[in-house]
Amino acid sequence: MQNQRPVPIVVVCAILAVFTLISLPSAFYVFQAKGMGILFGLYNIVDIALSVFCLYGLWNMKKWSVILYTVLFAISLIVSLMGGGFTFFGIIVPVILLVVMYMNYQLMD
């Protein structure tokens, strides 16, 4: 069943695409890292790949993409708290995106 994509979902997809593109250079950190930095680089690669997969699902109005984004956000929050990279902006934007996603959740397959 093909649902028409609501405008707020298009906006969320655009924001997620920009954030994913911005985070792409961090995936190459794994090639320069040593010790525990290698784990961070590998985490970034997996996170970016899952974010692209989530973006694909959201663009196609799939419910699993909202659940996946929620899980990715929770994991990213834990990692940022452990690594000292916690910022208010890093919390508020994903929360707003999640609110928009869940407001349109019933329209998804």
PDB file of N, CA and C in Angstrom:
ATOM      1  N   MET A   1       0.840  -1.177   0.000  1.00  0.00           N
ATOM      2  CA  MET A   1       0.000   0.000   0.000  1.00  0.00           C
ATOM      3  C   MET A   1       0.890   1.247   0.000  1.00  0.00           C
ATOM      4  N   GLN A   2       0.676   2.111  -0.948  1.00  0.00           N
ATOM      5  CA  GLN A   2       1.496   3.311  -1.088  1.00  0.00           C
ATOM      6  C   GLN A   2       0.753   4.503  -0.488  1.00  0.00           C
ATOM      7  N   ASN A   3       1.231   5.002   0.634  1.00  0.00           N
ATOM      8  CA  ASN A   3       0.644   6.187   1.259  1.00  0.00           C
ATOM      9  C   ASN A   3       1.332   7.431   0.723  1.00  0.00           C
ATOM     10  N   GLN A   4       0.560   8.505   0.622  1.00  0.00           N
ATOM     11  CA  GLN A   4       1.179   9.757   0.228  1.00  0.00           C
ATOM     12  C   GLN A   4       2.006  10.267   1.408  1.00  0.00           C
ATOM     13  N   ARG A   5       3.159  10.774   1.103  1.00  0.00           N
ATOM     14  CA  ARG A   5       4.109  11.224   2.111  1.00  0.00           C
ATOM     15  C   ARG A   5       3.704  12.618   2.595  1.00  0.00           C
ATOM     16  N   PRO A   6       3.436  12.777   3.899  1.00  0.00           N
ATOM     17  CA  PRO A   6       3.101  14.112   4.422  1.00  0.00           C
ATOM     18  C   PRO A   6       4.321  15.044   4.375  1.00  0.00           C
ATOM     19  N   VAL A   7       4.063  16.322   4.253  1.00  0.00           N
ATOM     20  CA  VAL A   7       5.129  17.322   4.179  1.00  0.00           C
ATOM     21  C   VAL A   7       6.050  17.270   5.403  1.00  0.00           C
ATOM     22  N   PRO A   8       5.519  17.118   6.630  1.00  0.00           N
ATOM     23  CA  PRO A   8       6.449  17.049   7.773  1.00  0.00           C
ATOM     24  C   PRO A   8       7.438  15.882   7.669  1.00  0.00           C
ATOM     25  N   ILE A   9       7.022  14.782   7.089  1.00  0.00           N
ATOM     26  CA  ILE A   9       7.926  13.642   6.916  1.00  0.00           C
ATOM     27  C   ILE A   9       8.990  13.971   5.876  1.00  0.00           C
ATOM     28  N   VAL A  10       8.621  14.686   4.829  1.00  0.00           N
ATOM     29  CA  VAL A  10       9.601  15.119   3.825  1.00  0.00           C
ATOM     30  C   VAL A  10      10.646  16.019   4.482  1.00  0.00           C
ATOM     31  N   VAL A  11      10.202  16.929   5.340  1.00  0.00           N
ATOM     32  CA  VAL A  11      11.121  17.832   6.039  1.00  0.00           C
ATOM     33  C   VAL A  11      12.044  17.031   6.963  1.00  0.00           C
ATOM     34  N   VAL A  12      11.485  16.079   7.703  1.00  0.00           N
ATOM     35  CA  VAL A  12      12.297  15.237   8.588  1.00  0.00           C
ATOM     36  C   VAL A  12      13.331  14.463   7.781  1.00  0.00           C
ATOM     37  N   CYS A  13      12.917  13.910   6.650  1.00  0.00           N
ATOM     38  CA  CYS A  13      13.852  13.174   5.792  1.00  0.00           C
ATOM     39  C   CYS A  13      14.977  14.079   5.298  1.00  0.00           C
ATOM     40  N   ALA A  14      14.636  15.304   4.940  1.00  0.00           N
ATOM     41  CA  ALA A  14      15.665  16.244   4.477  1.00  0.00           C
ATOM     42  C   ALA A  14      16.653  16.563   5.600  1.00  0.00           C
ATOM     43  N   ILE A  15      16.144  16.786   6.794  1.00  0.00           N
ATOM     44  CA  ILE A  15      17.020  17.081   7.940  1.00  0.00           C
ATOM     45  C   ILE A  15      17.909  15.882   8.251  1.00  0.00           C
ATOM     46  N   LEU A  16      17.322  14.681   8.249  1.00  0.00           N
ATOM     47  CA  LEU A  16      18.111  13.473   8.515  1.00  0.00           C
ATOM     48  C   LEU A  16      19.173  13.254   7.444  1.00  0.00           C
ATOM     49  N   ALA A  17      18.838  13.549   6.199  1.00  0.00           N
ATOM     50  CA  ALA A  17      19.812  13.392   5.117  1.00  0.00           C
ATOM     51  C   ALA A  17      20.984  14.356   5.310  1.00  0.00           C
ATOM     52  N   VAL A  18      20.690  15.593   5.692  1.00  0.00           N
ATOM     53  CA  VAL A  18      21.755  16.573   5.928  1.00  0.00           C
ATOM     54  C   VAL A  18      22.632  16.133   7.097  1.00  0.00           C
ATOM     55  N   PHE A  19      22.012  15.707   8.198  1.00  0.00           N
ATOM     56  CA  PHE A  19      22.787  15.247   9.359  1.00  0.00           C
ATOM     57  C   PHE A  19      23.646  14.037   9.008  1.00  0.00           C
ATOM     58  N   THR A  20      23.114  13.142   8.196  1.00  0.00           N
ATOM     59  CA  THR A  20      23.874  11.957   7.795  1.00  0.00           C
ATOM     60  C   THR A  20      25.065  12.355   6.933  1.00  0.00           C
ATOM     61  N   LEU A  21      24.853  13.268   6.011  1.00  0.00           N
ATOM     62  CA  LEU A  21      25.958  13.733   5.170  1.00  0.00           C
ATOM     63  C   LEU A  21      27.027  14.462   5.986  1.00  0.00           C
ATOM     64  N   ILE A  22      26.595  15.234   6.971  1.00  0.00           N
ATOM     65  CA  ILE A  22      27.543  15.940   7.826  1.00  0.00           C
ATOM     66  C   ILE A  22      28.373  14.954   8.644  1.00  0.00           C
ATOM     67  N   SER A  23      27.760  13.858   9.068  1.00  0.00           N
ATOM     68  CA  SER A  23      28.482  12.889   9.904  1.00  0.00           C
ATOM     69  C   SER A  23      29.333  11.919   9.100  1.00  0.00           C
ATOM     70  N   LEU A  24      29.208  11.931   7.792  1.00  0.00           N
ATOM     71  CA  LEU A  24      29.968  11.010   6.947  1.00  0.00           C
ATOM     72  C   LEU A  24      31.482  11.087   7.158  1.00  0.00           C
ATOM     73  N   PRO A  25      32.087  12.264   7.246  1.00  0.00           N
ATOM     74  CA  PRO A  25      33.547  12.304   7.453  1.00  0.00           C
ATOM     75  C   PRO A  25      34.007  11.600   8.728  1.00  0.00           C
ATOM     76  N   SER A  26      33.145  11.536   9.740  1.00  0.00           N
ATOM     77  CA  SER A  26      33.546  10.868  10.982  1.00  0.00           C
ATOM     78  C   SER A  26      33.733   9.367  10.786  1.00  0.00           C
ATOM     79  N   ALA A  27      33.180   8.807   9.729  1.00  0.00           N
ATOM     80  CA  ALA A  27      33.362   7.385   9.457  1.00  0.00           C
ATOM     81  C   ALA A  27      34.809   7.082   9.098  1.00  0.00           C
ATOM     82  N   PHE A  28      35.510   8.062   8.564  1.00  0.00           N
ATOM     83  CA  PHE A  28      36.899   7.851   8.175  1.00  0.00           C
ATOM     84  C   PHE A  28      37.857   7.963   9.358  1.00  0.00           C
ATOM     85  N   TYR A  29      37.324   8.336  10.503  1.00  0.00           N
ATOM     86  CA  TYR A  29      38.122   8.416  11.720  1.00  0.00           C
ATOM     87  C   TYR A  29      38.732   7.060  12.069  1.00  0.00           C
ATOM     88  N   VAL A  30      38.026   5.994  11.722  1.00  0.00           N
ATOM     89  CA  VAL A  30      38.485   4.640  12.046  1.00  0.00           C
ATOM     90  C   VAL A  30      39.841   4.346  11.411  1.00  0.00           C
ATOM     91  N   PHE A  31      40.147   4.968  10.285  1.00  0.00           N
ATOM     92  CA  PHE A  31      41.408   4.708   9.596  1.00  0.00           C
ATOM     93  C   PHE A  31      42.593   5.433  10.236  1.00  0.00           C
ATOM     94  N   GLN A  32      42.319   6.432  11.077  1.00  0.00           N
ATOM     95  CA  GLN A  32      43.379   7.192  11.728  1.00  0.00           C
ATOM     96  C   GLN A  32      43.476   6.891  13.219  1.00  0.00           C
ATOM     97  N   ALA A  33      42.493   6.194  13.746  1.00  0.00           N
ATOM     98  CA  ALA A  33      42.401   5.997  15.187  1.00  0.00           C
ATOM     99  C   ALA A  33      43.302   4.868  15.674  1.00  0.00           C
ATOM    100  N   LYS A  34      43.565   4.941  16.962  1.00  0.00           N
ATOM    101  CA  LYS A  34      44.315   3.885  17.639  1.00  0.00           C
ATOM    102  C   LYS A  34      43.598   3.561  18.940  1.00  0.00           C
ATOM    103  N   GLY A  35      43.742   2.351  19.400  1.00  0.00           N
ATOM    104  CA  GLY A  35      43.147   1.949  20.674  1.00  0.00           C
ATOM    105  C   GLY A  35      41.631   1.993  20.638  1.00  0.00           C
ATOM    106  N   MET A  36      41.049   2.645  21.646  1.00  0.00           N
ATOM    107  CA  MET A  36      39.587   2.716  21.760  1.00  0.00           C
ATOM    108  C   MET A  36      38.965   3.585  20.662  1.00  0.00           C
ATOM    109  N   GLY A  37      39.747   4.439  20.047  1.00  0.00           N
ATOM    110  CA  GLY A  37      39.244   5.276  18.960  1.00  0.00           C
ATOM    111  C   GLY A  37      38.755   4.459  17.779  1.00  0.00           C
ATOM    112  N   ILE A  38      39.332   3.270  17.615  1.00  0.00           N
ATOM    113  CA  ILE A  38      38.890   2.383  16.538  1.00  0.00           C
ATOM    114  C   ILE A  38      37.436   1.974  16.763  1.00  0.00           C
ATOM    115  N   LEU A  39      37.083   1.693  18.023  1.00  0.00           N
ATOM    116  CA  LEU A  39      35.695   1.333  18.328  1.00  0.00           C
ATOM    117  C   LEU A  39      34.741   2.480  18.022  1.00  0.00           C
ATOM    118  N   PHE A  40      35.169   3.692  18.323  1.00  0.00           N
ATOM    119  CA  PHE A  40      34.341   4.858  18.028  1.00  0.00           C
ATOM    120  C   PHE A  40      34.140   5.009  16.524  1.00  0.00           C
ATOM    121  N   GLY A  41      35.199   4.805  15.764  1.00  0.00           N
ATOM    122  CA  GLY A  41      35.093   4.879  14.308  1.00  0.00           C
ATOM    123  C   GLY A  41      34.175   3.812  13.749  1.00  0.00           C
ATOM    124  N   LEU A  42      34.291   2.599  14.278  1.00  0.00           N
ATOM    125  CA  LEU A  42      33.400   1.517  13.828  1.00  0.00           C
ATOM    126  C   LEU A  42      31.954   1.801  14.217  1.00  0.00           C
ATOM    127  N   TYR A  43      31.767   2.343  15.412  1.00  0.00           N
ATOM    128  CA  TYR A  43      30.430   2.742  15.836  1.00  0.00           C
ATOM    129  C   TYR A  43      29.849   3.765  14.858  1.00  0.00           C
ATOM    130  N   ASN A  44      30.651   4.740  14.459  1.00  0.00           N
ATOM    131  CA  ASN A  44      30.183   5.759  13.510  1.00  0.00           C
ATOM    132  C   ASN A  44      29.783   5.144  12.172  1.00  0.00           C
ATOM    133  N   ILE A  45      30.557   4.195  11.690  1.00  0.00           N
ATOM    134  CA  ILE A  45      30.235   3.542  10.416  1.00  0.00           C
ATOM    135  C   ILE A  45      28.887   2.819  10.509  1.00  0.00           C
ATOM    136  N   VAL A  46      28.702   2.070  11.591  1.00  0.00           N
ATOM    137  CA  VAL A  46      27.435   1.335  11.776  1.00  0.00           C
ATOM    138  C   VAL A  46      26.278   2.312  11.949  1.00  0.00           C
ATOM    139  N   ASP A  47      26.501   3.366  12.723  1.00  0.00           N
ATOM    140  CA  ASP A  47      25.457   4.361  12.956  1.00  0.00           C
ATOM    141  C   ASP A  47      25.040   5.051  11.657  1.00  0.00           C
ATOM    142  N   ILE A  48      26.001   5.403  10.837  1.00  0.00           N
ATOM    143  CA  ILE A  48      25.692   6.053   9.555  1.00  0.00           C
ATOM    144  C   ILE A  48      24.940   5.100   8.636  1.00  0.00           C
ATOM    145  N   ALA A  49      25.384   3.847   8.576  1.00  0.00           N
ATOM    146  CA  ALA A  49      24.703   2.861   7.728  1.00  0.00           C
ATOM    147  C   ALA A  49      23.264   2.656   8.189  1.00  0.00           C
ATOM    148  N   LEU A  50      23.045   2.531   9.486  1.00  0.00           N
ATOM    149  CA  LEU A  50      21.681   2.358  10.003  1.00  0.00           C
ATOM    150  C   LEU A  50      20.848   3.619   9.818  1.00  0.00           C
ATOM    151  N   SER A  51      21.485   4.776   9.887  1.00  0.00           N
ATOM    152  CA  SER A  51      20.760   6.028   9.647  1.00  0.00           C
ATOM    153  C   SER A  51      20.273   6.122   8.203  1.00  0.00           C
ATOM    154  N   VAL A  52      21.112   5.693   7.276  1.00  0.00           N
ATOM    155  CA  VAL A  52      20.697   5.680   5.864  1.00  0.00           C
ATOM    156  C   VAL A  52      19.542   4.696   5.671  1.00  0.00           C
ATOM    157  N   PHE A  53      19.638   3.535   6.298  1.00  0.00           N
ATOM    158  CA  PHE A  53      18.577   2.540   6.226  1.00  0.00           C
ATOM    159  C   PHE A  53      17.286   3.090   6.835  1.00  0.00           C
ATOM    160  N   CYS A  54      17.405   3.791   7.941  1.00  0.00           N
ATOM    161  CA  CYS A  54      16.260   4.416   8.598  1.00  0.00           C
ATOM    162  C   CYS A  54      15.641   5.488   7.700  1.00  0.00           C
ATOM    163  N   LEU A  55      16.488   6.274   7.065  1.00  0.00           N
ATOM    164  CA  LEU A  55      16.024   7.318   6.152  1.00  0.00           C
ATOM    165  C   LEU A  55      15.254   6.714   4.982  1.00  0.00           C
ATOM    166  N   TYR A  56      15.768   5.612   4.451  1.00  0.00           N
ATOM    167  CA  TYR A  56      15.072   4.900   3.371  1.00  0.00           C
ATOM    168  C   TYR A  56      13.678   4.449   3.825  1.00  0.00           C
ATOM    169  N   GLY A  57      13.613   3.866   5.011  1.00  0.00           N
ATOM    170  CA  GLY A  57      12.328   3.398   5.530  1.00  0.00           C
ATOM    171  C   GLY A  57      11.364   4.533   5.800  1.00  0.00           C
ATOM    172  N   LEU A  58      11.871   5.620   6.331  1.00  0.00           N
ATOM    173  CA  LEU A  58      11.013   6.769   6.612  1.00  0.00           C
ATOM    174  C   LEU A  58      10.492   7.389   5.319  1.00  0.00           C
ATOM    175  N   TRP A  59      11.342   7.484   4.314  1.00  0.00           N
ATOM    176  CA  TRP A  59      10.921   8.024   3.022  1.00  0.00           C
ATOM    177  C   TRP A  59       9.811   7.158   2.411  1.00  0.00           C
ATOM    178  N   ASN A  60       9.881   5.858   2.676  1.00  0.00           N
ATOM    179  CA  ASN A  60       8.872   4.925   2.171  1.00  0.00           C
ATOM    180  C   ASN A  60       7.734   4.690   3.164  1.00  0.00           C
ATOM    181  N   MET A  61       7.681   5.530   4.202  1.00  0.00           N
ATOM    182  CA  MET A  61       6.589   5.519   5.186  1.00  0.00           C
ATOM    183  C   MET A  61       6.452   4.166   5.892  1.00  0.00           C
ATOM    184  N   LYS A  62       7.546   3.635   6.376  1.00  0.00           N
ATOM    185  CA  LYS A  62       7.553   2.363   7.097  1.00  0.00           C
ATOM    186  C   LYS A  62       7.641   2.614   8.598  1.00  0.00           C
ATOM    187  N   LYS A  63       6.780   1.932   9.356  1.00  0.00           N
ATOM    188  CA  LYS A  63       6.759   2.105  10.808  1.00  0.00           C
ATOM    189  C   LYS A  63       8.073   1.689  11.455  1.00  0.00           C
ATOM    190  N   TRP A  64       8.702   0.654  10.917  1.00  0.00           N
ATOM    191  CA  TRP A  64       9.943   0.167  11.523  1.00  0.00           C
ATOM    192  C   TRP A  64      11.028   1.243  11.537  1.00  0.00           C
ATOM    193  N   SER A  65      10.947   2.188  10.591  1.00  0.00           N
ATOM    194  CA  SER A  65      11.975   3.234  10.540  1.00  0.00           C
ATOM    195  C   SER A  65      11.881   4.160  11.749  1.00  0.00           C
ATOM    196  N   VAL A  66      10.675   4.400  12.242  1.00  0.00           N
ATOM    197  CA  VAL A  66      10.501   5.243  13.427  1.00  0.00           C
ATOM    198  C   VAL A  66      11.055   4.525  14.658  1.00  0.00           C
ATOM    199  N   ILE A  67      10.792   3.236  14.747  1.00  0.00           N
ATOM    200  CA  ILE A  67      11.306   2.450  15.870  1.00  0.00           C
ATOM    201  C   ILE A  67      12.834   2.390  15.802  1.00  0.00           C
ATOM    202  N   LEU A  68      13.368   2.161  14.605  1.00  0.00           N
ATOM    203  CA  LEU A  68      14.818   2.117  14.435  1.00  0.00           C
ATOM    204  C   LEU A  68      15.448   3.453  14.815  1.00  0.00           C
ATOM    205  N   TYR A  69      14.860   4.564  14.392  1.00  0.00           N
ATOM    206  CA  TYR A  69      15.408   5.876  14.734  1.00  0.00           C
ATOM    207  C   TYR A  69      15.366   6.100  16.242  1.00  0.00           C
ATOM    208  N   THR A  70      14.307   5.641  16.886  1.00  0.00           N
ATOM    209  CA  THR A  70      14.203   5.767  18.340  1.00  0.00           C
ATOM    210  C   THR A  70      15.329   5.003  19.031  1.00  0.00           C
ATOM    211  N   VAL A  71      15.599   3.790  18.566  1.00  0.00           N
ATOM    212  CA  VAL A  71      16.676   2.976  19.131  1.00  0.00           C
ATOM    213  C   VAL A  71      18.037   3.629  18.864  1.00  0.00           C
ATOM    214  N   LEU A  72      18.248   4.105  17.640  1.00  0.00           N
ATOM    215  CA  LEU A  72      19.509   4.776  17.315  1.00  0.00           C
ATOM    216  C   LEU A  72      19.715   6.015  18.186  1.00  0.00           C
ATOM    217  N   PHE A  73      18.651   6.759  18.412  1.00  0.00           N
ATOM    218  CA  PHE A  73      18.750   7.948  19.258  1.00  0.00           C
ATOM    219  C   PHE A  73      19.131   7.563  20.684  1.00  0.00           C
ATOM    220  N   ALA A  74      18.498   6.515  21.213  1.00  0.00           N
ATOM    221  CA  ALA A  74      18.810   6.072  22.579  1.00  0.00           C
ATOM    222  C   ALA A  74      20.267   5.629  22.692  1.00  0.00           C
ATOM    223  N   ILE A  75      20.734   4.873  21.711  1.00  0.00           N
ATOM    224  CA  ILE A  75      22.132   4.417  21.724  1.00  0.00           C
ATOM    225  C   ILE A  75      23.083   5.609  21.599  1.00  0.00           C
ATOM    226  N   SER A  76      22.770   6.530  20.706  1.00  0.00           N
ATOM    227  CA  SER A  76      23.619   7.719  20.531  1.00  0.00           C
ATOM    228  C   SER A  76      23.665   8.559  21.800  1.00  0.00           C
ATOM    229  N   LEU A  77      22.553   8.626  22.494  1.00  0.00           N
ATOM    230  CA  LEU A  77      22.500   9.374  23.747  1.00  0.00           C
ATOM    231  C   LEU A  77      23.428   8.736  24.782  1.00  0.00           C
ATOM    232  N   ILE A  78      23.379   7.427  24.892  1.00  0.00           N
ATOM    233  CA  ILE A  78      24.245   6.713  25.837  1.00  0.00           C
ATOM    234  C   ILE A  78      25.712   6.906  25.468  1.00  0.00           C
ATOM    235  N   VAL A  79      26.021   6.759  24.181  1.00  0.00           N
ATOM    236  CA  VAL A  79      27.412   6.928  23.733  1.00  0.00           C
ATOM    237  C   VAL A  79      27.896   8.346  23.998  1.00  0.00           C
ATOM    238  N   SER A  80      27.064   9.340  23.735  1.00  0.00           N
ATOM    239  CA  SER A  80      27.493  10.722  23.947  1.00  0.00           C
ATOM    240  C   SER A  80      27.654  11.027  25.436  1.00  0.00           C
ATOM    241  N   LEU A  81      26.826  10.434  26.277  1.00  0.00           N
ATOM    242  CA  LEU A  81      26.982  10.629  27.719  1.00  0.00           C
ATOM    243  C   LEU A  81      28.271   9.987  28.224  1.00  0.00           C
ATOM    244  N   MET A  82      28.591   8.815  27.707  1.00  0.00           N
ATOM    245  CA  MET A  82      29.813   8.120  28.121  1.00  0.00           C
ATOM    246  C   MET A  82      31.062   8.803  27.573  1.00  0.00           C
ATOM    247  N   GLY A  83      30.959   9.352  26.361  1.00  0.00           N
ATOM    248  CA  GLY A  83      32.123   9.941  25.720  1.00  0.00           C
ATOM    249  C   GLY A  83      32.306  11.419  25.965  1.00  0.00           C
ATOM    250  N   GLY A  84      31.380  12.037  26.683  1.00  0.00           N
ATOM    251  CA  GLY A  84      31.509  13.453  26.982  1.00  0.00           C
ATOM    252  C   GLY A  84      31.083  14.367  25.847  1.00  0.00           C
ATOM    253  N   GLY A  85      30.403  13.843  24.833  1.00  0.00           N
ATOM    254  CA  GLY A  85      29.980  14.662  23.706  1.00  0.00           C
ATOM    255  C   GLY A  85      28.532  15.097  23.790  1.00  0.00           C
ATOM    256  N   PHE A  86      27.985  15.121  24.994  1.00  0.00           N
ATOM    257  CA  PHE A  86      26.581  15.457  25.213  1.00  0.00           C
ATOM    258  C   PHE A  86      26.346  16.948  24.998  1.00  0.00           C
ATOM    259  N   THR A  87      25.361  17.289  24.139  1.00  0.00           N
ATOM    260  CA  THR A  87      24.962  18.680  23.936  1.00  0.00           C
ATOM    261  C   THR A  87      23.453  18.787  23.925  1.00  0.00           C
ATOM    262  N   PHE A  88      22.941  19.959  24.296  1.00  0.00           N
ATOM    263  CA  PHE A  88      21.502  20.197  24.270  1.00  0.00           C
ATOM    264  C   PHE A  88      20.972  20.086  22.841  1.00  0.00           C
ATOM    265  N   PHE A  89      21.705  20.643  21.874  1.00  0.00           N
ATOM    266  CA  PHE A  89      21.298  20.579  20.465  1.00  0.00           C
ATOM    267  C   PHE A  89      21.232  19.131  19.995  1.00  0.00           C
ATOM    268  N   GLY A  90      22.127  18.307  20.500  1.00  0.00           N
ATOM    269  CA  GLY A  90      22.146  16.899  20.139  1.00  0.00           C
ATOM    270  C   GLY A  90      20.963  16.131  20.677  1.00  0.00           C
ATOM    271  N   ILE A  91      20.244  16.719  21.615  1.00  0.00           N
ATOM    272  CA  ILE A  91      19.056  16.093  22.187  1.00  0.00           C
ATOM    273  C   ILE A  91      17.780  16.675  21.585  1.00  0.00           C
ATOM    274  N   ILE A  92      17.709  17.990  21.517  1.00  0.00           N
ATOM    275  CA  ILE A  92      16.450  18.648  21.156  1.00  0.00           C
ATOM    276  C   ILE A  92      16.047  18.383  19.709  1.00  0.00           C
ATOM    277  N   VAL A  93      16.991  18.396  18.790  1.00  0.00           N
ATOM    278  CA  VAL A  93      16.643  18.175  17.380  1.00  0.00           C
ATOM    279  C   VAL A  93      16.112  16.750  17.160  1.00  0.00           C
ATOM    280  N   PRO A  94      16.802  15.704  17.631  1.00  0.00           N
ATOM    281  CA  PRO A  94      16.242  14.359  17.448  1.00  0.00           C
ATOM    282  C   PRO A  94      14.891  14.167  18.145  1.00  0.00           C
ATOM    283  N   VAL A  95      14.709  14.811  19.294  1.00  0.00           N
ATOM    284  CA  VAL A  95      13.420  14.686  19.985  1.00  0.00           C
ATOM    285  C   VAL A  95      12.314  15.325  19.151  1.00  0.00           C
ATOM    286  N   ILE A  96      12.577  16.489  18.572  1.00  0.00           N
ATOM    287  CA  ILE A  96      11.583  17.135  17.704  1.00  0.00           C
ATOM    288  C   ILE A  96      11.288  16.252  16.494  1.00  0.00           C
ATOM    289  N   LEU A  97      12.335  15.681  15.903  1.00  0.00           N
ATOM    290  CA  LEU A  97      12.130  14.792  14.756  1.00  0.00           C
ATOM    291  C   LEU A  97      11.312  13.576  15.157  1.00  0.00           C
ATOM    292  N   LEU A  98      11.588  13.015  16.328  1.00  0.00           N
ATOM    293  CA  LEU A  98      10.820  11.863  16.806  1.00  0.00           C
ATOM    294  C   LEU A  98       9.353  12.220  17.033  1.00  0.00           C
ATOM    295  N   VAL A  99       9.097  13.395  17.582  1.00  0.00           N
ATOM    296  CA  VAL A  99       7.711  13.833  17.795  1.00  0.00           C
ATOM    297  C   VAL A  99       6.972  13.897  16.464  1.00  0.00           C
ATOM    298  N   VAL A 100       7.606  14.481  15.453  1.00  0.00           N
ATOM    299  CA  VAL A 100       6.983  14.576  14.124  1.00  0.00           C
ATOM    300  C   VAL A 100       6.757  13.178  13.552  1.00  0.00           C
ATOM    301  N   MET A 101       7.739  12.297  13.712  1.00  0.00           N
ATOM    302  CA  MET A 101       7.593  10.935  13.197  1.00  0.00           C
ATOM    303  C   MET A 101       6.419  10.220  13.861  1.00  0.00           C
ATOM    304  N   TYR A 102       6.349  10.308  15.197  1.00  0.00           N
ATOM    305  CA  TYR A 102       5.267   9.612  15.903  1.00  0.00           C
ATOM    306  C   TYR A 102       3.909  10.258  15.647  1.00  0.00           C
ATOM    307  N   MET A 103       3.872  11.550  15.335  1.00  0.00           N
ATOM    308  CA  MET A 103       2.604  12.189  14.973  1.00  0.00           C
ATOM    309  C   MET A 103       2.070  11.649  13.649  1.00  0.00           C
ATOM    310  N   ASN A 104       2.952  11.168  12.793  1.00  0.00           N
ATOM    311  CA  ASN A 104       2.561  10.617  11.492  1.00  0.00           C
ATOM    312  C   ASN A 104       2.628   9.093  11.450  1.00  0.00           C
ATOM    313  N   TYR A 105       2.861   8.478  12.585  1.00  0.00           N
ATOM    314  CA  TYR A 105       3.062   7.031  12.677  1.00  0.00           C
ATOM    315  C   TYR A 105       1.868   6.236  12.157  1.00  0.00           C
ATOM    316  N   GLN A 106       0.658   6.715  12.444  1.00  0.00           N
ATOM    317  CA  GLN A 106      -0.547   5.981  12.037  1.00  0.00           C
ATOM    318  C   GLN A 106      -0.731   5.984  10.512  1.00  0.00           C
ATOM    319  N   LEU A 107      -0.062   6.875   9.804  1.00  0.00           N
ATOM    320  CA  LEU A 107      -0.162   6.937   8.345  1.00  0.00           C
ATOM    321  C   LEU A 107       0.804   5.974   7.651  1.00  0.00           C
ATOM    322  N   MET A 108       1.680   5.362   8.447  1.00  0.00           N
ATOM    323  CA  MET A 108       2.725   4.512   7.869  1.00  0.00           C
ATOM    324  C   MET A 108       2.279   3.053   7.776  1.00  0.00           C
ATOM    325  N   ASP A 109       2.980   2.333   6.896  1.00  0.00           N
ATOM    326  CA  ASP A 109       2.704   0.895   6.726  1.00  0.00           C
ATOM    327  C   ASP A 109       3.459   0.100   7.759  1.00  0.00           C
TER     328      ASP A 109
END
